[in-house]
Amino acid sequence: MWHRGVKHRSTTGVFLVLTLVYLAPLWAFAFFPTTDGPSHLENAYMLLHFHDGERAYQQFYDFSPRLVPNWLGHVALPILMLLFEPLVAERVFLTIYLLLFVFAIRYFLRSIGPDQGVFAFLALPLVYHFPLFMGFYNFTCSVPLMLLALGFWWRHRDRLFSARVLLGLNLLLVTLYFCHLVSVLATIGSLFALALLKDWRNPQEFLGHIPALSPGMILPAQYFLRGGVGASVGWLPASAADFLGLRCLVAHEPLTEYVGIALGLLYAVLFAHTLVAKALRREPRRSPRDAFLPLVLGFTALYFVLPEHFGEGGFIRDRVALYPFLLVLAWFTPRLAAPLKKAVVVVACLVALVHIALITARLVPVNQELADYTSGVGRVGKNDVLLPVSFDHMVHPGTRISTYLHAAGYYAVRCDCIELDNFEGRYSSSPLDYKPDRDPFALLGPIEQGTGDLRIDRYPVPIDFILLWCPPETFPAKAWIERNYGRVHAQGRMVLYERKGRRQQSRDRPQAMPSRSRKAALGIRRRTAVQADQN
């Protein structure tokens, strides 16, 4: 027992060291580049300062709070921004996610059995997945919460109706709802499936989950009843090679495809070993863990039949692909020979180190270009209106991430400006909606398509700055821009234009007035009116 305890502590120590190594990309650079992350920061920053009279946000947005999914980031990021500046707040948020993921996977696996925790090494590369680099922060946080919910249920499945268990499960489900709809549905479905598969001859236990989980199912049910999901579109044939090779890990660096393949092979070895162990009866043919195998197969089937887009959500397959590779770890037999167990840990550690090294190396040039992109921050001021147009969203021909698509969000949080590529202002999952007469996507044309076919003159508010990223020699709006704007800054692939005569005209533009100044102005008007009456 002492020898076994020493081994357990040593593997735990190695796992903690790897966790610290995995924190490096979050803190080694000025930017942690994602596609939608800058927009999340921008919206969180606007929510924090929305009622500040010195800022012009209320001229462009309406505040429309709704009990819809994807709200976790809208609450957590503004709170963190009270303590940290926006870019640091983002990294603190992601650090909390990473530590939560590490804790959740070990908690989940050790809930299944004390020896199951060794397979947590295989899950570590799944921390940095494609949805994370897409900036799907709410979904990203939902994955460890799903693992916590399943682990908590497994530990207390025989005491389901105790007050502590009911409260814990339903609080997790409510939190999952405000993270992401896909994960809360996956968690609810998994709990019912596990309850049925654990003992299918005892339907009373399965039926008992309906009243037990009903508080956590109210919000998803009302969301569906209100028609919040919308139509499913974009179904494309799924690739078995992409699934088995864990293409859901490929984001900035194309070489991480080989990391996914190596990890997939390691999964395949353990899957085959478990089947052989059951066939040779080295592993009980029937064990409670076997309930996870049909669950894994079910999520695998969903990967191949679900559409790529569902309502306002996209990249559904890359999200669903994470579930089977996490849940199958609970089914693998822990009865490994000592050499095989050591080999699994060593290979998994090597794969994890290569994975993090590739990600870190790729973030170096990305950060250099983002420094170019944001080098015009000093030119843009508070309440200035900025239109960003990117003609090349990608960093590398083999990348899957549109790094520069919403990168202008960095200007919004550093300059207090109004940035017109805030796509979240058009979605119901955001509490800030564009005013109908200020929606740039409806008024200007294809902002995000990189064609440059824009009607900038249609916008009802003068646009102070235009940021062009990687502009071609000719594009439809170039002549109009050069007639009405002057180039004031250029660095790398970024060119910044300022509206001619802006400084003189901005004096005549109605500006957001500070609340104290507004009260003072009203007082002056009242005194003037009284004096006029007296005269």
Protein backbone atom coordinates (compact mmCIF):
# COMPACT_ATOMS: atom_id res chain seq x y z
CA MET A 1 0.00 0.00 0.00
CA TRP A 2 2.85 2.38 0.85
CA HIS A 3 4.51 1.65 -2.50
CA ARG A 4 1.23 2.23 -4.30
CA GLY A 5 0.73 5.53 -2.44
CA VAL A 6 4.21 6.73 -3.45
CA LYS A 7 3.45 5.95 -7.10
CA HIS A 8 0.17 7.79 -6.89
CA ARG A 9 1.86 10.87 -5.43
CA SER A 10 4.57 10.79 -8.09
CA THR A 11 2.06 10.65 -10.98
CA THR A 12 0.07 13.43 -9.33
CA GLY A 13 3.21 15.54 -9.14
CA VAL A 14 3.98 14.96 -12.81
CA PHE A 15 0.40 15.90 -13.70
CA LEU A 16 0.63 19.14 -11.72
CA VAL A 17 3.93 20.06 -13.43
CA LEU A 18 2.35 19.48 -16.83
CA THR A 19 -0.58 21.65 -15.78
CA LEU A 20 1.80 24.51 -14.98
CA VAL A 21 3.50 24.03 -18.35
CA TYR A 22 0.09 24.26 -20.03
CA LEU A 23 -0.42 27.68 -18.43
CA ALA A 24 2.56 29.07 -20.36
CA PRO A 25 0.73 30.16 -23.56
CA LEU A 26 -1.76 32.15 -21.49
CA TRP A 27 0.87 34.29 -19.76
CA ALA A 28 3.93 34.27 -22.01
CA PHE A 29 2.48 36.69 -24.58
CA ALA A 30 0.68 40.01 -24.72
CA PHE A 31 -2.26 38.42 -26.58
CA PHE A 32 -3.93 35.05 -26.38
CA PRO A 33 -5.27 35.10 -29.93
CA THR A 34 -8.72 33.69 -30.64
CA THR A 35 -11.33 34.49 -33.26
CA ASP A 36 -14.23 35.66 -31.09
CA GLY A 37 -12.28 36.45 -27.90
CA PRO A 38 -11.75 40.17 -28.72
CA SER A 39 -15.51 40.56 -29.26
CA HIS A 40 -16.22 38.90 -25.91
CA LEU A 41 -13.81 41.33 -24.25
CA GLU A 42 -15.40 44.26 -26.06
CA ASN A 43 -18.93 43.33 -24.98
CA ALA A 44 -17.86 42.66 -21.39
CA TYR A 45 -16.13 46.05 -21.29
CA MET A 46 -19.20 47.81 -22.71
CA LEU A 47 -21.47 46.06 -20.20
CA LEU A 48 -19.24 47.22 -17.37
CA HIS A 49 -19.35 50.85 -18.56
CA PHE A 50 -22.69 50.90 -20.37
CA HIS A 51 -24.34 53.36 -17.99
CA ASP A 52 -21.28 55.60 -17.81
CA GLY A 53 -22.45 58.89 -19.30
CA GLU A 54 -18.96 59.71 -20.58
CA ARG A 55 -19.14 56.89 -23.11
CA ALA A 56 -21.35 56.79 -26.19
CA TYR A 57 -22.37 53.11 -25.99
CA GLN A 58 -26.06 53.91 -25.43
CA GLN A 59 -26.13 55.76 -28.76
CA PHE A 60 -25.36 52.52 -30.60
CA TYR A 61 -26.74 49.70 -28.41
CA ASP A 62 -29.80 48.73 -26.42
CA PHE A 63 -29.43 46.75 -23.21
CA SER A 64 -31.66 43.67 -23.53
CA PRO A 65 -31.08 41.13 -20.74
CA ARG A 66 -32.51 37.67 -21.45
CA LEU A 67 -32.36 34.31 -19.70
CA VAL A 68 -30.52 32.66 -22.56
CA PRO A 69 -27.41 30.45 -22.80
CA ASN A 70 -23.92 31.89 -23.32
CA TRP A 71 -24.20 34.35 -20.45
CA LEU A 72 -21.35 33.12 -18.25
CA GLY A 73 -18.71 35.26 -19.96
CA HIS A 74 -20.97 38.32 -19.95
CA VAL A 75 -21.08 38.08 -16.15
CA ALA A 76 -17.61 36.75 -15.26
CA LEU A 77 -15.48 38.95 -17.52
CA PRO A 78 -16.94 42.30 -16.35
CA ILE A 79 -16.41 41.21 -12.73
CA LEU A 80 -12.78 40.34 -13.47
CA MET A 81 -12.38 43.69 -15.25
CA LEU A 82 -13.13 45.39 -11.95
CA LEU A 83 -9.86 43.90 -10.71
CA PHE A 84 -7.69 43.67 -13.84
CA GLU A 85 -7.29 45.46 -17.14
CA PRO A 86 -9.23 43.70 -19.94
CA LEU A 87 -6.44 41.61 -21.50
CA VAL A 88 -5.29 40.41 -18.09
CA ALA A 89 -8.91 39.71 -17.08
CA GLU A 90 -9.25 37.48 -20.14
CA ARG A 91 -6.18 35.47 -19.18
CA VAL A 92 -7.32 35.15 -15.58
CA PHE A 93 -10.66 33.86 -16.89
CA LEU A 94 -8.90 31.30 -19.11
CA THR A 95 -6.55 30.31 -16.27
CA ILE A 96 -9.57 29.57 -14.10
CA TYR A 97 -10.98 27.47 -16.96
CA LEU A 98 -7.73 25.51 -17.36
CA LEU A 99 -7.42 24.78 -13.64
CA LEU A 100 -11.09 23.85 -13.50
CA PHE A 101 -10.62 21.46 -16.42
CA VAL A 102 -7.64 19.78 -14.74
CA PHE A 103 -9.52 19.42 -11.46
CA ALA A 104 -12.73 18.26 -13.19
CA ILE A 105 -11.15 15.49 -15.26
CA ARG A 106 -9.36 14.04 -12.23
CA TYR A 107 -12.48 14.40 -10.07
CA PHE A 108 -14.58 12.71 -12.74
CA LEU A 109 -12.19 9.80 -13.30
CA ARG A 110 -11.48 9.22 -9.62
CA SER A 111 -15.24 9.22 -9.02
CA ILE A 112 -15.39 6.16 -11.28
CA GLY A 113 -12.51 4.45 -9.46
CA PRO A 114 -9.32 5.43 -7.60
CA ASP A 115 -7.08 3.88 -10.28
CA GLN A 116 -8.93 5.57 -13.15
CA GLY A 117 -7.14 8.88 -12.53
CA VAL A 118 -4.06 7.76 -14.48
CA PHE A 119 -6.01 8.36 -17.71
CA ALA A 120 -6.23 12.08 -16.95
CA PHE A 121 -2.87 12.42 -18.74
CA LEU A 122 -4.64 11.60 -22.01
CA ALA A 123 -7.15 14.41 -21.46
CA LEU A 124 -4.61 17.17 -20.87
CA PRO A 125 -4.06 18.00 -24.59
CA LEU A 126 -7.83 18.47 -24.87
CA VAL A 127 -7.50 21.62 -22.75
CA TYR A 128 -6.42 23.59 -25.85
CA HIS A 129 -8.99 22.62 -28.41
CA PHE A 130 -10.44 24.22 -31.52
CA PRO A 131 -13.52 25.75 -29.80
CA LEU A 132 -11.24 27.46 -27.29
CA PHE A 133 -9.15 29.09 -30.02
CA MET A 134 -12.33 30.05 -31.81
CA GLY A 135 -13.11 32.08 -28.71
CA PHE A 136 -16.12 29.97 -27.65
CA TYR A 137 -15.37 30.73 -24.02
CA ASN A 138 -18.80 29.83 -22.68
CA PHE A 139 -18.79 26.41 -24.33
CA THR A 140 -15.19 25.89 -23.27
CA CYS A 141 -16.11 26.42 -19.60
CA SER A 142 -19.09 24.10 -19.97
CA VAL A 143 -16.87 21.07 -20.69
CA PRO A 144 -15.28 20.80 -17.20
CA LEU A 145 -18.65 21.63 -15.61
CA MET A 146 -20.17 18.69 -17.48
CA LEU A 147 -17.42 16.43 -16.11
CA LEU A 148 -18.06 17.73 -12.60
CA ALA A 149 -21.79 17.04 -12.93
CA LEU A 150 -21.23 13.47 -14.15
CA GLY A 151 -18.60 12.78 -11.49
CA PHE A 152 -20.81 14.23 -8.77
CA TRP A 153 -23.78 12.11 -9.91
CA TRP A 154 -21.66 8.95 -10.05
CA ARG A 155 -20.38 9.44 -6.52
CA HIS A 156 -23.85 10.08 -5.11
CA ARG A 157 -26.06 8.07 -7.47
CA ASP A 158 -27.34 5.91 -4.63
CA ARG A 159 -28.41 8.99 -2.63
CA LEU A 160 -30.03 10.92 -5.43
CA PHE A 161 -32.87 12.38 -3.36
CA SER A 162 -30.76 13.74 -0.53
CA ALA A 163 -31.04 17.54 -0.33
CA ARG A 164 -27.30 18.05 -0.87
CA VAL A 165 -27.20 15.91 -4.02
CA LEU A 166 -30.34 17.46 -5.51
CA LEU A 167 -29.07 20.97 -4.85
CA GLY A 168 -25.60 20.24 -6.22
CA LEU A 169 -26.81 18.57 -9.42
CA ASN A 170 -29.40 21.21 -10.24
CA LEU A 171 -27.03 24.09 -9.53
CA LEU A 172 -24.55 22.52 -11.95
CA LEU A 173 -27.28 22.13 -14.58
CA VAL A 174 -28.39 25.76 -14.21
CA THR A 175 -24.77 26.93 -14.49
CA LEU A 176 -24.32 24.72 -17.55
CA TYR A 177 -27.38 26.29 -19.14
CA PHE A 178 -25.81 29.73 -18.82
CA CYS A 179 -22.60 28.33 -20.32
CA HIS A 180 -23.87 26.58 -23.42
CA LEU A 181 -27.00 24.83 -24.60
CA VAL A 182 -25.14 21.92 -26.23
CA SER A 183 -23.37 20.96 -23.01
CA VAL A 184 -26.40 21.23 -20.75
CA LEU A 185 -28.36 18.99 -23.14
CA ALA A 186 -25.41 16.59 -23.34
CA THR A 187 -25.19 16.47 -19.54
CA ILE A 188 -28.92 15.91 -19.00
CA GLY A 189 -28.98 13.22 -21.68
CA SER A 190 -25.88 11.57 -20.18
CA LEU A 191 -27.38 11.49 -16.68
CA PHE A 192 -30.57 9.84 -17.90
CA ALA A 193 -28.62 7.41 -20.10
CA LEU A 194 -26.28 6.42 -17.27
CA ALA A 195 -29.22 5.93 -14.90
CA LEU A 196 -30.86 3.61 -17.43
CA LEU A 197 -27.74 1.74 -18.51
CA LYS A 198 -26.44 1.22 -14.98
CA ASP A 199 -29.42 -1.00 -14.17
CA TRP A 200 -31.93 -1.27 -17.00
CA ARG A 201 -33.95 -3.83 -15.04
CA ASN A 202 -34.80 -1.16 -12.46
CA PRO A 203 -36.81 1.49 -14.35
CA GLN A 204 -37.98 3.15 -11.12
CA GLU A 205 -34.51 4.57 -10.59
CA PHE A 206 -34.45 5.96 -14.13
CA LEU A 207 -37.92 7.50 -13.77
CA GLY A 208 -36.91 9.01 -10.46
CA HIS A 209 -34.44 11.25 -12.29
CA ILE A 210 -37.30 13.14 -13.94
CA PRO A 211 -38.48 14.94 -10.76
CA ALA A 212 -34.94 15.00 -9.36
CA LEU A 213 -33.49 16.91 -12.33
CA SER A 214 -36.59 18.90 -13.28
CA PRO A 215 -35.40 22.19 -11.67
CA GLY A 216 -32.29 22.09 -13.86
CA MET A 217 -34.35 21.28 -16.96
CA ILE A 218 -36.75 24.23 -16.66
CA LEU A 219 -34.51 26.79 -18.37
CA PRO A 220 -33.59 24.59 -21.38
CA ALA A 221 -37.26 23.60 -21.76
CA GLN A 222 -38.51 27.19 -21.79
CA TYR A 223 -35.75 28.13 -24.25
CA PHE A 224 -36.97 25.47 -26.68
CA LEU A 225 -40.62 26.37 -26.15
CA ARG A 226 -39.87 29.99 -27.04
CA GLY A 227 -38.25 28.84 -30.28
CA GLY A 228 -34.83 30.02 -29.24
CA VAL A 229 -32.87 27.41 -31.18
CA GLY A 230 -33.97 28.18 -34.72
CA ALA A 231 -33.46 26.08 -37.82
CA SER A 232 -30.51 23.75 -38.40
CA VAL A 233 -28.47 24.42 -41.51
CA GLY A 234 -25.11 23.55 -42.96
CA TRP A 235 -25.05 19.75 -42.81
CA LEU A 236 -21.93 18.34 -44.44
CA PRO A 237 -20.57 14.77 -44.53
CA ALA A 238 -18.35 14.11 -41.52
CA SER A 239 -14.90 12.56 -41.83
CA ALA A 240 -14.03 9.50 -39.76
CA ALA A 241 -10.35 10.40 -40.14
CA ASP A 242 -10.97 13.85 -38.66
CA PHE A 243 -12.81 12.30 -35.72
CA LEU A 244 -10.35 9.50 -34.94
CA GLY A 245 -7.38 11.81 -35.50
CA LEU A 246 -8.82 14.40 -33.08
CA ARG A 247 -8.90 17.21 -35.60
CA CYS A 248 -10.77 19.13 -32.90
CA LEU A 249 -7.28 19.92 -31.53
CA VAL A 250 -6.09 21.70 -34.69
CA ALA A 251 -6.33 25.48 -34.48
CA HIS A 252 -3.43 27.92 -35.13
CA GLU A 253 -0.73 25.34 -35.80
CA PRO A 254 -1.36 22.78 -38.59
CA LEU A 255 1.31 20.45 -37.14
CA THR A 256 -0.92 19.79 -34.14
CA GLU A 257 -2.76 17.45 -36.50
CA TYR A 258 0.01 14.93 -35.80
CA VAL A 259 -0.50 15.40 -32.07
CA GLY A 260 -4.14 14.48 -32.57
CA ILE A 261 -3.18 11.39 -34.58
CA ALA A 262 -0.69 10.27 -31.91
CA LEU A 263 -3.26 10.79 -29.17
CA GLY A 264 -5.88 8.95 -31.22
CA LEU A 265 -3.55 5.98 -31.57
CA LEU A 266 -3.00 5.91 -27.82
CA TYR A 267 -6.76 5.92 -27.29
CA ALA A 268 -7.10 3.08 -29.81
CA VAL A 269 -4.51 0.97 -27.94
CA LEU A 270 -6.33 1.41 -24.63
CA PHE A 271 -9.70 0.75 -26.25
CA ALA A 272 -8.41 -2.52 -27.75
CA HIS A 273 -6.71 -3.48 -24.50
CA THR A 274 -9.97 -3.04 -22.59
CA LEU A 275 -11.86 -5.20 -25.09
CA VAL A 276 -9.20 -7.92 -24.86
CA ALA A 277 -9.22 -7.76 -21.05
CA LYS A 278 -12.97 -8.30 -21.04
CA ALA A 279 -12.73 -11.11 -23.58
CA LEU A 280 -10.10 -12.89 -21.48
CA ARG A 281 -12.06 -12.11 -18.30
CA ARG A 282 -9.17 -10.22 -16.77
CA GLU A 283 -11.73 -7.45 -16.44
CA PRO A 284 -15.30 -8.19 -15.26
CA ARG A 285 -17.56 -8.50 -18.28
CA ARG A 286 -20.19 -6.50 -16.47
CA SER A 287 -19.15 -3.55 -14.38
CA PRO A 288 -20.84 -0.22 -13.62
CA ARG A 289 -18.25 1.50 -15.85
CA ASP A 290 -19.67 -0.29 -18.88
CA ALA A 291 -22.53 2.23 -18.89
CA PHE A 292 -20.10 4.74 -20.40
CA LEU A 293 -19.43 2.72 -23.56
CA PRO A 294 -22.94 3.14 -25.06
CA LEU A 295 -22.76 6.81 -24.06
CA VAL A 296 -19.46 7.21 -25.93
CA LEU A 297 -20.88 5.43 -28.98
CA GLY A 298 -23.96 7.67 -28.84
CA PHE A 299 -21.91 10.88 -28.89
CA THR A 300 -19.79 9.43 -31.67
CA ALA A 301 -22.94 8.83 -33.72
CA LEU A 302 -24.08 12.41 -33.02
CA TYR A 303 -20.78 13.67 -34.41
CA PHE A 304 -21.63 12.14 -37.76
CA VAL A 305 -25.33 13.06 -37.97
CA LEU A 306 -25.52 16.56 -36.46
CA PRO A 307 -25.44 19.61 -38.75
CA GLU A 308 -22.42 21.88 -38.71
CA HIS A 309 -24.60 24.82 -37.66
CA PHE A 310 -27.62 24.84 -35.41
CA GLY A 311 -29.58 28.07 -34.91
CA GLU A 312 -27.08 30.79 -33.95
CA GLY A 313 -24.41 28.23 -33.05
CA GLY A 314 -21.75 26.89 -35.38
CA PHE A 315 -18.94 24.33 -35.46
CA ILE A 316 -21.17 21.83 -33.66
CA ARG A 317 -19.06 18.81 -34.56
CA ASP A 318 -15.85 20.23 -33.15
CA ARG A 319 -17.70 20.72 -29.88
CA VAL A 320 -19.38 17.31 -29.76
CA ALA A 321 -16.10 15.59 -30.71
CA LEU A 322 -14.69 16.39 -27.26
CA TYR A 323 -17.32 14.42 -25.34
CA PRO A 324 -16.56 10.85 -26.45
CA PHE A 325 -12.80 11.27 -25.97
CA LEU A 326 -13.33 12.49 -22.42
CA LEU A 327 -16.03 10.02 -21.42
CA VAL A 328 -14.30 6.94 -22.82
CA LEU A 329 -11.54 7.44 -20.24
CA ALA A 330 -14.05 6.28 -17.63
CA TRP A 331 -14.54 2.99 -19.50
CA PHE A 332 -10.89 2.05 -20.04
CA THR A 333 -9.77 -0.73 -17.75
CA PRO A 334 -7.34 0.46 -15.05
CA ARG A 335 -5.96 -3.07 -14.74
CA LEU A 336 -2.80 -2.34 -16.67
CA ALA A 337 0.48 -4.15 -16.24
CA ALA A 338 3.06 -1.89 -14.61
CA PRO A 339 5.16 -1.49 -17.81
CA LEU A 340 2.05 -0.66 -19.86
CA LYS A 341 0.81 1.86 -17.31
CA LYS A 342 4.22 3.53 -17.24
CA ALA A 343 4.32 3.57 -21.03
CA VAL A 344 0.87 5.19 -21.19
CA VAL A 345 1.92 7.95 -18.79
CA VAL A 346 5.25 8.56 -20.57
CA VAL A 347 3.74 8.66 -24.07
CA ALA A 348 0.86 10.86 -22.93
CA CYS A 349 3.32 13.27 -21.31
CA LEU A 350 5.44 13.43 -24.46
CA VAL A 351 2.37 14.09 -26.61
CA ALA A 352 1.27 16.83 -24.20
CA LEU A 353 4.71 18.48 -24.22
CA VAL A 354 4.94 18.42 -28.02
CA HIS A 355 1.42 19.81 -28.21
CA ILE A 356 2.13 22.76 -25.93
CA ALA A 357 5.49 23.43 -27.62
CA LEU A 358 3.83 23.66 -31.05
CA ILE A 359 1.12 25.99 -29.74
CA THR A 360 3.65 28.24 -28.00
CA ALA A 361 5.91 28.45 -31.05
CA ARG A 362 2.99 29.43 -33.29
CA LEU A 363 1.84 32.17 -30.92
CA VAL A 364 5.14 34.03 -31.33
CA PRO A 365 4.53 35.28 -34.92
CA VAL A 366 0.80 35.71 -34.23
CA ASN A 367 1.57 38.08 -31.36
CA GLN A 368 4.01 40.01 -33.54
CA GLU A 369 1.30 40.59 -36.13
CA LEU A 370 -1.30 41.47 -33.50
CA ALA A 371 1.17 44.07 -32.22
CA ASP A 372 1.13 45.53 -35.75
CA TYR A 373 -2.66 45.33 -35.87
CA THR A 374 -3.07 47.25 -32.60
CA SER A 375 -0.22 49.72 -33.16
CA GLY A 376 -2.74 52.45 -34.04
CA VAL A 377 -4.30 52.44 -30.58
CA GLY A 378 -2.75 55.80 -29.70
CA ARG A 379 -4.45 57.46 -32.69
CA VAL A 380 -8.01 56.47 -31.77
CA GLY A 381 -9.75 58.25 -28.91
CA LYS A 382 -12.74 57.82 -26.63
CA ASN A 383 -16.10 57.58 -28.48
CA ASP A 384 -14.40 57.67 -31.88
CA VAL A 385 -16.07 55.39 -34.43
CA LEU A 386 -13.76 52.78 -35.97
CA LEU A 387 -14.54 50.56 -38.96
CA PRO A 388 -12.14 47.58 -39.29
CA VAL A 389 -11.93 45.69 -42.57
CA SER A 390 -9.78 42.56 -42.80
CA PHE A 391 -8.86 41.16 -46.20
CA ASP A 392 -6.98 38.18 -44.76
CA HIS A 393 -8.32 36.65 -41.55
CA MET A 394 -5.83 33.79 -41.34
CA VAL A 395 -2.28 33.66 -39.98
CA HIS A 396 -1.06 30.66 -41.95
CA PRO A 397 -2.44 28.82 -45.00
CA GLY A 398 -3.07 25.68 -42.94
CA THR A 399 -4.65 27.35 -39.92
CA ARG A 400 -8.32 27.00 -39.01
CA ILE A 401 -8.59 30.18 -36.93
CA SER A 402 -9.63 33.60 -38.29
CA THR A 403 -7.31 35.50 -35.97
CA TYR A 404 -7.87 38.97 -37.43
CA LEU A 405 -11.59 38.75 -38.08
CA HIS A 406 -12.62 40.45 -34.81
CA ALA A 407 -9.24 41.70 -33.59
CA ALA A 408 -10.53 45.29 -33.59
CA GLY A 409 -12.16 44.43 -30.27
CA TYR A 410 -8.72 45.15 -28.77
CA TYR A 411 -9.13 48.77 -29.88
CA ALA A 412 -12.55 48.95 -28.21
CA VAL A 413 -11.21 47.94 -24.79
CA ARG A 414 -8.05 50.03 -24.98
CA CYS A 415 -9.43 53.23 -26.55
CA ASP A 416 -13.08 53.30 -25.39
CA CYS A 417 -14.01 53.66 -29.05
CA ILE A 418 -17.07 52.39 -30.93
CA GLU A 419 -15.93 49.49 -33.09
CA LEU A 420 -18.27 48.51 -35.93
CA ASP A 421 -17.38 44.84 -36.31
CA ASN A 422 -19.00 43.71 -33.08
CA PHE A 423 -20.88 40.72 -34.44
CA GLU A 424 -22.36 39.87 -31.02
CA GLY A 425 -24.62 42.90 -31.27
CA ARG A 426 -26.71 40.93 -33.76
CA TYR A 427 -27.21 37.77 -31.66
CA SER A 428 -29.79 37.04 -28.99
CA SER A 429 -27.10 35.50 -26.75
CA SER A 430 -25.65 38.97 -26.17
CA PRO A 431 -27.30 41.41 -23.75
CA LEU A 432 -26.31 44.32 -26.02
CA ASP A 433 -28.23 44.71 -29.28
CA TYR A 434 -27.48 47.17 -32.04
CA LYS A 435 -30.07 49.89 -32.38
CA PRO A 436 -31.88 49.27 -35.71
CA ASP A 437 -30.54 52.51 -37.23
CA ARG A 438 -26.96 51.80 -36.06
CA ASP A 439 -26.49 48.18 -37.20
CA PRO A 440 -23.35 48.32 -39.39
CA PHE A 441 -23.90 44.83 -40.78
CA ALA A 442 -27.26 45.90 -42.20
CA LEU A 443 -26.16 49.35 -43.39
CA LEU A 444 -22.57 49.06 -44.64
CA GLY A 445 -22.50 45.75 -46.50
CA PRO A 446 -20.29 42.64 -46.12
CA ILE A 447 -17.95 43.84 -43.36
CA GLU A 448 -16.51 40.42 -42.57
CA GLN A 449 -16.29 38.88 -46.02
CA GLY A 450 -13.05 40.63 -46.97
CA THR A 451 -14.34 41.91 -50.33
CA GLY A 452 -14.07 45.63 -49.59
CA ASP A 453 -17.48 46.16 -51.18
CA LEU A 454 -18.74 48.59 -48.55
CA ARG A 455 -21.02 51.65 -48.63
CA ILE A 456 -19.42 53.62 -45.84
CA ASP A 457 -21.39 56.75 -46.72
CA ARG A 458 -24.64 55.01 -45.73
CA TYR A 459 -23.81 54.93 -42.04
CA PRO A 460 -25.81 57.61 -40.19
CA VAL A 461 -22.91 58.51 -37.85
CA PRO A 462 -19.60 59.76 -39.28
CA ILE A 463 -16.95 57.05 -39.16
CA ASP A 464 -13.76 58.58 -37.76
CA PHE A 465 -11.25 55.85 -38.56
CA ILE A 466 -10.99 52.98 -41.02
CA LEU A 467 -8.55 50.18 -40.23
CA LEU A 468 -7.52 48.06 -43.20
CA TRP A 469 -5.72 44.80 -42.55
CA CYS A 470 -3.73 43.36 -45.47
CA PRO A 471 -5.50 45.57 -48.05
CA PRO A 472 -5.10 44.62 -51.72
CA GLU A 473 -3.98 47.11 -54.36
CA THR A 474 -7.54 47.64 -55.51
CA PHE A 475 -10.94 47.01 -53.95
CA PRO A 476 -14.36 48.61 -54.51
CA ALA A 477 -14.32 51.11 -51.64
CA LYS A 478 -10.68 52.17 -51.94
CA ALA A 479 -11.22 55.25 -54.14
CA TRP A 480 -14.01 56.56 -51.86
CA ILE A 481 -11.85 56.02 -48.77
CA GLU A 482 -8.89 57.87 -50.24
CA ARG A 483 -11.08 60.82 -51.26
CA ASN A 484 -12.59 61.20 -47.79
CA TYR A 485 -9.86 59.85 -45.50
CA GLY A 486 -6.18 60.39 -45.04
CA ARG A 487 -3.62 57.75 -44.10
CA VAL A 488 -2.32 58.51 -40.61
CA HIS A 489 -0.56 55.30 -39.61
CA ALA A 490 0.77 52.10 -41.15
CA GLN A 491 2.69 49.19 -39.67
CA GLY A 492 3.19 45.73 -41.10
CA ARG A 493 0.00 44.73 -42.88
CA MET A 494 -2.14 47.37 -41.12
CA VAL A 495 -3.13 50.76 -42.54
CA LEU A 496 -5.15 53.28 -40.51
CA TYR A 497 -7.14 56.08 -42.17
CA GLU A 498 -8.64 59.12 -40.43
CA ARG A 499 -11.61 61.08 -41.78
CA LYS A 500 -10.55 64.38 -43.31
CA GLY A 501 -11.65 67.37 -41.27
CA ARG A 502 -12.69 65.08 -38.42
CA ARG A 503 -11.19 67.17 -35.65
CA GLN A 504 -13.15 70.27 -36.65
CA GLN A 505 -16.40 68.38 -37.34
CA SER A 506 -16.20 66.36 -34.11
CA ARG A 507 -16.80 69.55 -32.15
CA ASP A 508 -20.26 69.79 -33.69
CA ARG A 509 -21.14 66.11 -33.14
CA PRO A 510 -23.42 65.38 -30.17
CA GLN A 511 -21.20 63.73 -27.58
CA ALA A 512 -22.14 61.57 -24.64
CA MET A 513 -22.26 63.93 -21.67
CA PRO A 514 -21.05 62.97 -18.19
CA SER A 515 -23.89 62.59 -15.75
CA ARG A 516 -22.67 65.47 -13.57
CA SER A 517 -22.21 67.73 -16.59
CA ARG A 518 -25.68 66.82 -17.82
CA LYS A 519 -27.19 67.78 -14.45
CA ALA A 520 -25.24 71.02 -14.46
CA ALA A 521 -26.43 71.82 -17.96
CA LEU A 522 -30.03 71.18 -16.98
CA GLY A 523 -29.57 73.48 -14.01
CA ILE A 524 -28.24 76.24 -16.25
CA ARG A 525 -31.20 75.85 -18.59
CA ARG A 526 -33.64 76.08 -15.71
CA ARG A 527 -31.97 79.24 -14.34
CA THR A 528 -31.95 80.77 -17.81
CA ALA A 529 -35.65 80.01 -18.24
CA VAL A 530 -36.46 81.54 -14.84
CA GLN A 531 -34.50 84.70 -15.67
CA ALA A 532 -36.31 84.94 -19.00
CA ASP A 533 -39.69 84.70 -17.24
CA GLN A 534 -38.65 87.39 -14.74
CA ASN A 535 -37.55 89.68 -17.53
